[in-house]
Amino acid sequence: MLKGCQVFLAHVTTKEAEGKSEKKRLKNVPIVRDFPEVFPEDLPGLPPTRQVVFQIDLIPGAAPIAWAPYRLAPLEIKELSEQLKELSDKGFIRPISSPWGILVLFVKRKDGSFRMCINYRKLNKLTVKNRYPLPRIDDLFDQLQESSIYSKIDLRSGYQQLRAREEDVLKMAFRTRYGHYEFQVMPFGLTNAPANKKEHEEHLRTILKFLKKEELYAKFSKCEFWIPK
């Protein structure tokens, strides 16, 4: 390249890439834009009391499980302190004195951050399994055959939006170097955890009204609306 020569750089992107780069905006989605309360950036705190709660029924003769805390690396100890504070501030956990005490461990995510996990495997073995029959996936698809428009709603941190039955809270207790805590909401790791445009508008509005009434919150970035196929 000679000094004094002009150089031009071009960057070519496909329409598909451009579309993906545009941030999805709630205000641009019909019906959905009328329910901004359903799509907060984060959960506001402990969910309200509803008719449906998470419960743990134990097999006869089940005894409390209690383990000493795992040894953690310095980075995990720091992460533990931060995550306990976040869960406590939201009301998802509270300090407790309980004969139950499950172990806490950390799993490293692909981005290098840590996810706090409670080892509920032994508790799951003592839990009466929910035998509620789940619908067959092919039957569900059959029900959708006459539909022409679809929407998908992803509940934000869905597990943490379901409160635990008060008498079962102590069974979910876990031990850490910072104290003994119990979940007031359902944690991860436990067992048992046809339309044309006008019709679709009514279906979507009904669901969003229900979510708003029950104070259930969705993650807008993971939702899809008005999909033709």
Protein backbone atom coordinates (compact mmCIF):
# COMPACT_ATOMS: atom_id res chain seq x y z
CA MET A 1 0.00 0.00 0.00
CA LEU A 2 1.48 3.35 -1.05
CA LYS A 3 1.51 6.42 1.15
CA GLY A 4 -1.12 8.91 0.11
CA CYS A 5 -3.43 6.34 -1.49
CA GLN A 6 -7.10 6.33 -0.54
CA VAL A 7 -8.47 3.16 1.02
CA PHE A 8 -12.16 2.25 1.29
CA LEU A 9 -13.47 -0.42 3.68
CA ALA A 10 -16.85 -2.08 3.23
CA HIS A 11 -18.74 -4.19 5.74
CA VAL A 12 -21.52 -6.35 4.30
CA THR A 13 -24.27 -7.83 6.48
CA THR A 14 -27.23 -9.96 5.50
CA LYS A 15 -30.80 -8.91 6.16
CA GLU A 16 -31.06 -11.84 8.55
CA ALA A 17 -28.13 -10.54 10.60
CA GLU A 18 -29.58 -7.04 10.58
CA GLY A 19 -32.89 -8.38 11.81
CA LYS A 20 -31.26 -10.22 14.68
CA SER A 21 -29.29 -7.14 15.69
CA GLU A 22 -32.43 -5.08 16.14
CA LYS A 23 -33.60 -5.23 19.72
CA LYS A 24 -37.09 -6.57 20.17
CA ARG A 25 -39.28 -3.78 21.51
CA LEU A 26 -42.36 -4.44 23.61
CA LYS A 27 -44.11 -1.30 22.37
CA ASN A 28 -44.10 -2.66 18.81
CA VAL A 29 -46.02 -5.88 19.61
CA PRO A 30 -49.84 -5.63 19.33
CA ILE A 31 -51.78 -6.65 22.48
CA VAL A 32 -48.53 -7.34 24.34
CA ARG A 33 -47.71 -3.62 24.59
CA ASP A 34 -50.86 -3.20 26.72
CA PHE A 35 -49.31 -5.35 29.46
CA PRO A 36 -45.86 -3.91 30.29
CA GLU A 37 -46.25 -5.00 33.94
CA VAL A 38 -45.94 -8.64 32.85
CA PHE A 39 -42.42 -8.09 31.45
CA PRO A 40 -40.19 -6.55 34.16
CA GLU A 41 -36.39 -6.59 33.88
CA ASP A 42 -36.23 -8.65 37.09
CA LEU A 43 -38.58 -10.33 39.56
CA PRO A 44 -39.83 -7.80 42.14
CA GLY A 45 -39.59 -10.21 45.07
CA LEU A 46 -41.46 -12.99 46.85
CA PRO A 47 -44.50 -14.02 44.76
CA PRO A 48 -48.00 -13.55 46.19
CA THR A 49 -49.92 -16.40 47.78
CA ARG A 50 -51.88 -18.29 45.12
CA GLN A 51 -54.14 -21.35 45.05
CA VAL A 52 -51.32 -23.46 43.60
CA VAL A 53 -48.22 -24.00 45.75
CA PHE A 54 -45.22 -26.32 45.52
CA GLN A 55 -45.41 -29.16 48.04
CA ILE A 56 -43.19 -32.03 49.15
CA ASP A 57 -44.90 -35.19 50.39
CA LEU A 58 -42.44 -37.65 51.95
CA ILE A 59 -42.60 -41.43 51.93
CA PRO A 60 -43.55 -43.00 55.30
CA GLY A 61 -40.66 -43.19 57.76
CA ALA A 62 -38.51 -40.59 55.99
CA ALA A 63 -35.98 -38.94 58.32
CA PRO A 64 -34.41 -35.48 57.94
CA ILE A 65 -31.23 -35.23 55.87
CA ALA A 66 -28.38 -33.19 57.33
CA TRP A 67 -24.88 -32.77 55.88
CA ALA A 68 -21.94 -30.55 56.74
CA PRO A 69 -21.12 -27.86 54.12
CA TYR A 70 -18.75 -28.65 51.26
CA ARG A 71 -15.28 -27.07 51.18
CA LEU A 72 -15.41 -24.21 48.66
CA ALA A 73 -12.73 -22.37 46.69
CA PRO A 74 -12.19 -18.64 47.46
CA LEU A 75 -14.06 -17.54 44.32
CA GLU A 76 -16.98 -19.83 45.23
CA ILE A 77 -17.08 -18.42 48.77
CA LYS A 78 -17.36 -14.90 47.36
CA GLU A 79 -20.07 -16.02 44.94
CA LEU A 80 -21.94 -17.77 47.76
CA SER A 81 -22.03 -14.59 49.82
CA GLU A 82 -23.31 -12.52 46.89
CA GLN A 83 -25.98 -15.02 45.81
CA LEU A 84 -27.24 -15.52 49.37
CA LYS A 85 -27.64 -11.76 49.71
CA GLU A 86 -29.50 -11.51 46.40
CA LEU A 87 -31.87 -14.36 47.28
CA SER A 88 -32.43 -12.94 50.78
CA ASP A 89 -33.10 -9.42 49.50
CA LYS A 90 -35.81 -10.79 47.19
CA GLY A 91 -37.36 -12.87 49.99
CA PHE A 92 -36.73 -16.16 48.19
CA ILE A 93 -34.76 -17.56 51.17
CA ARG A 94 -34.75 -16.83 54.89
CA PRO A 95 -32.55 -17.85 57.85
CA ILE A 96 -33.81 -20.92 59.68
CA SER A 97 -33.00 -23.50 62.33
CA SER A 98 -34.02 -26.87 60.88
CA PRO A 99 -33.12 -30.55 61.32
CA TRP A 100 -32.78 -30.61 57.52
CA GLY A 101 -29.59 -29.35 55.90
CA ILE A 102 -28.77 -30.01 52.24
CA LEU A 103 -25.39 -29.33 50.64
CA VAL A 104 -24.58 -26.33 48.44
CA LEU A 105 -22.24 -26.61 45.46
CA PHE A 106 -21.34 -24.50 42.44
CA VAL A 107 -21.39 -25.27 38.72
CA LYS A 108 -19.31 -23.13 36.40
CA ARG A 109 -21.17 -21.73 33.40
CA LYS A 110 -19.68 -21.38 29.91
CA ASP A 111 -19.20 -17.64 30.47
CA GLY A 112 -17.11 -18.29 33.59
CA SER A 113 -19.77 -17.28 36.12
CA PHE A 114 -21.01 -19.63 38.83
CA ARG A 115 -24.45 -21.10 39.37
CA MET A 116 -25.35 -22.05 42.93
CA CYS A 117 -26.94 -25.50 43.16
CA ILE A 118 -28.51 -27.38 46.06
CA ASN A 119 -27.89 -31.13 46.06
CA TYR A 120 -31.48 -32.34 46.53
CA ARG A 121 -30.89 -35.86 45.21
CA LYS A 122 -31.34 -37.57 48.58
CA LEU A 123 -34.47 -35.53 49.32
CA ASN A 124 -35.86 -36.51 45.91
CA LYS A 125 -35.45 -40.19 46.84
CA LEU A 126 -37.63 -39.59 49.92
CA THR A 127 -40.30 -37.66 48.01
CA VAL A 128 -43.56 -39.19 46.79
CA LYS A 129 -43.45 -38.67 43.01
CA ASN A 130 -46.19 -36.67 41.36
CA ARG A 131 -48.04 -39.06 39.04
CA TYR A 132 -50.03 -36.38 37.26
CA PRO A 133 -50.22 -37.55 33.61
CA LEU A 134 -48.39 -35.20 31.28
CA PRO A 135 -50.00 -34.69 27.86
CA ARG A 136 -48.39 -36.43 24.88
CA ILE A 137 -46.40 -34.07 22.69
CA ASP A 138 -48.03 -35.40 19.50
CA ASP A 139 -51.49 -34.79 20.99
CA LEU A 140 -50.51 -31.20 21.72
CA PHE A 141 -49.33 -30.71 18.15
CA ASP A 142 -52.60 -32.19 16.88
CA GLN A 143 -54.50 -29.55 18.84
CA LEU A 144 -52.50 -26.82 17.10
CA GLN A 145 -53.07 -28.02 13.54
CA GLU A 146 -55.97 -25.67 12.86
CA SER A 147 -54.11 -22.62 14.22
CA SER A 148 -52.49 -20.10 11.90
CA ILE A 149 -50.75 -17.79 14.40
CA TYR A 150 -48.71 -18.74 17.47
CA SER A 151 -47.10 -17.02 20.44
CA LYS A 152 -44.66 -18.29 23.04
CA ILE A 153 -44.36 -16.82 26.55
CA ASP A 154 -41.34 -17.65 28.70
CA LEU A 155 -41.89 -17.07 32.42
CA ARG A 156 -38.93 -15.27 33.97
CA SER A 157 -37.21 -17.54 36.52
CA GLY A 158 -40.40 -19.61 36.49
CA TYR A 159 -39.44 -21.81 39.44
CA GLN A 160 -39.02 -18.81 41.72
CA GLN A 161 -42.52 -17.57 40.91
CA LEU A 162 -44.16 -20.47 42.73
CA ARG A 163 -44.30 -20.35 46.53
CA ALA A 164 -43.65 -23.44 48.61
CA ARG A 165 -46.21 -24.81 51.05
CA GLU A 166 -45.31 -23.43 54.47
CA GLU A 167 -45.02 -26.83 56.17
CA ASP A 168 -42.61 -27.98 53.44
CA VAL A 169 -40.25 -25.02 53.60
CA LEU A 170 -38.02 -26.56 56.29
CA LYS A 171 -37.45 -29.66 54.11
CA MET A 172 -35.67 -27.49 51.54
CA ALA A 173 -33.24 -26.07 54.11
CA PHE A 174 -29.57 -25.91 53.12
CA ARG A 175 -26.40 -25.26 55.10
CA THR A 176 -23.59 -22.85 54.27
CA ARG A 177 -20.61 -21.33 56.08
CA TYR A 178 -22.76 -18.19 56.42
CA GLY A 179 -25.68 -19.92 58.09
CA HIS A 180 -28.70 -22.16 57.65
CA TYR A 181 -31.34 -21.06 55.10
CA GLU A 182 -34.59 -22.34 53.63
CA PHE A 183 -36.36 -21.57 50.37
CA GLN A 184 -39.81 -19.99 50.42
CA VAL A 185 -40.18 -20.58 46.67
CA MET A 186 -39.61 -23.66 44.53
CA PRO A 187 -35.85 -24.07 43.89
CA PHE A 188 -34.16 -25.88 41.02
CA GLY A 189 -33.34 -29.56 41.39
CA LEU A 190 -36.43 -30.91 43.12
CA THR A 191 -38.61 -33.65 41.71
CA ASN A 192 -42.22 -32.95 40.82
CA ALA A 193 -40.60 -29.38 39.97
CA PRO A 194 -57.31 -23.27 16.42
CA ALA A 195 -56.98 -19.62 15.82
CA ASN A 196 -57.28 -16.96 13.27
CA LYS A 197 -55.95 -13.43 13.93
CA LYS A 198 -58.93 -12.32 16.02
CA GLU A 199 -59.02 -15.54 18.04
CA HIS A 200 -55.30 -15.29 18.67
CA GLU A 201 -55.74 -11.72 19.94
CA GLU A 202 -58.28 -12.96 22.48
CA HIS A 203 -56.12 -15.93 23.53
CA LEU A 204 -53.08 -13.71 23.97
CA ARG A 205 -55.02 -11.06 25.88
CA THR A 206 -56.56 -13.70 28.18
CA ILE A 207 -53.17 -15.19 29.03
CA LEU A 208 -51.56 -11.80 29.65
CA LYS A 209 -54.48 -10.70 31.84
CA PHE A 210 -54.08 -13.87 33.88
CA LEU A 211 -50.32 -13.35 34.26
CA LYS A 212 -50.90 -9.75 35.32
CA LYS A 213 -53.61 -10.70 37.84
CA GLU A 214 -51.53 -13.49 39.38
CA GLU A 215 -48.37 -11.33 39.36
CA LEU A 216 -46.50 -13.81 37.17
CA TYR A 217 -43.65 -12.27 35.19
CA ALA A 218 -42.26 -13.16 31.77
CA LYS A 219 -38.89 -12.57 30.11
CA PHE A 220 -39.71 -10.55 27.00
CA SER A 221 -36.45 -11.33 25.17
CA LYS A 222 -37.27 -15.06 25.19
CA CYS A 223 -40.90 -14.68 24.09
CA GLU A 224 -42.22 -14.93 20.55
CA PHE A 225 -45.47 -13.39 19.33
CA TRP A 226 -47.57 -13.49 16.18
CA ILE A 227 -45.60 -16.29 14.54
CA PRO A 228 -47.22 -17.52 11.30
CA LYS A 229 -45.67 -20.99 11.47
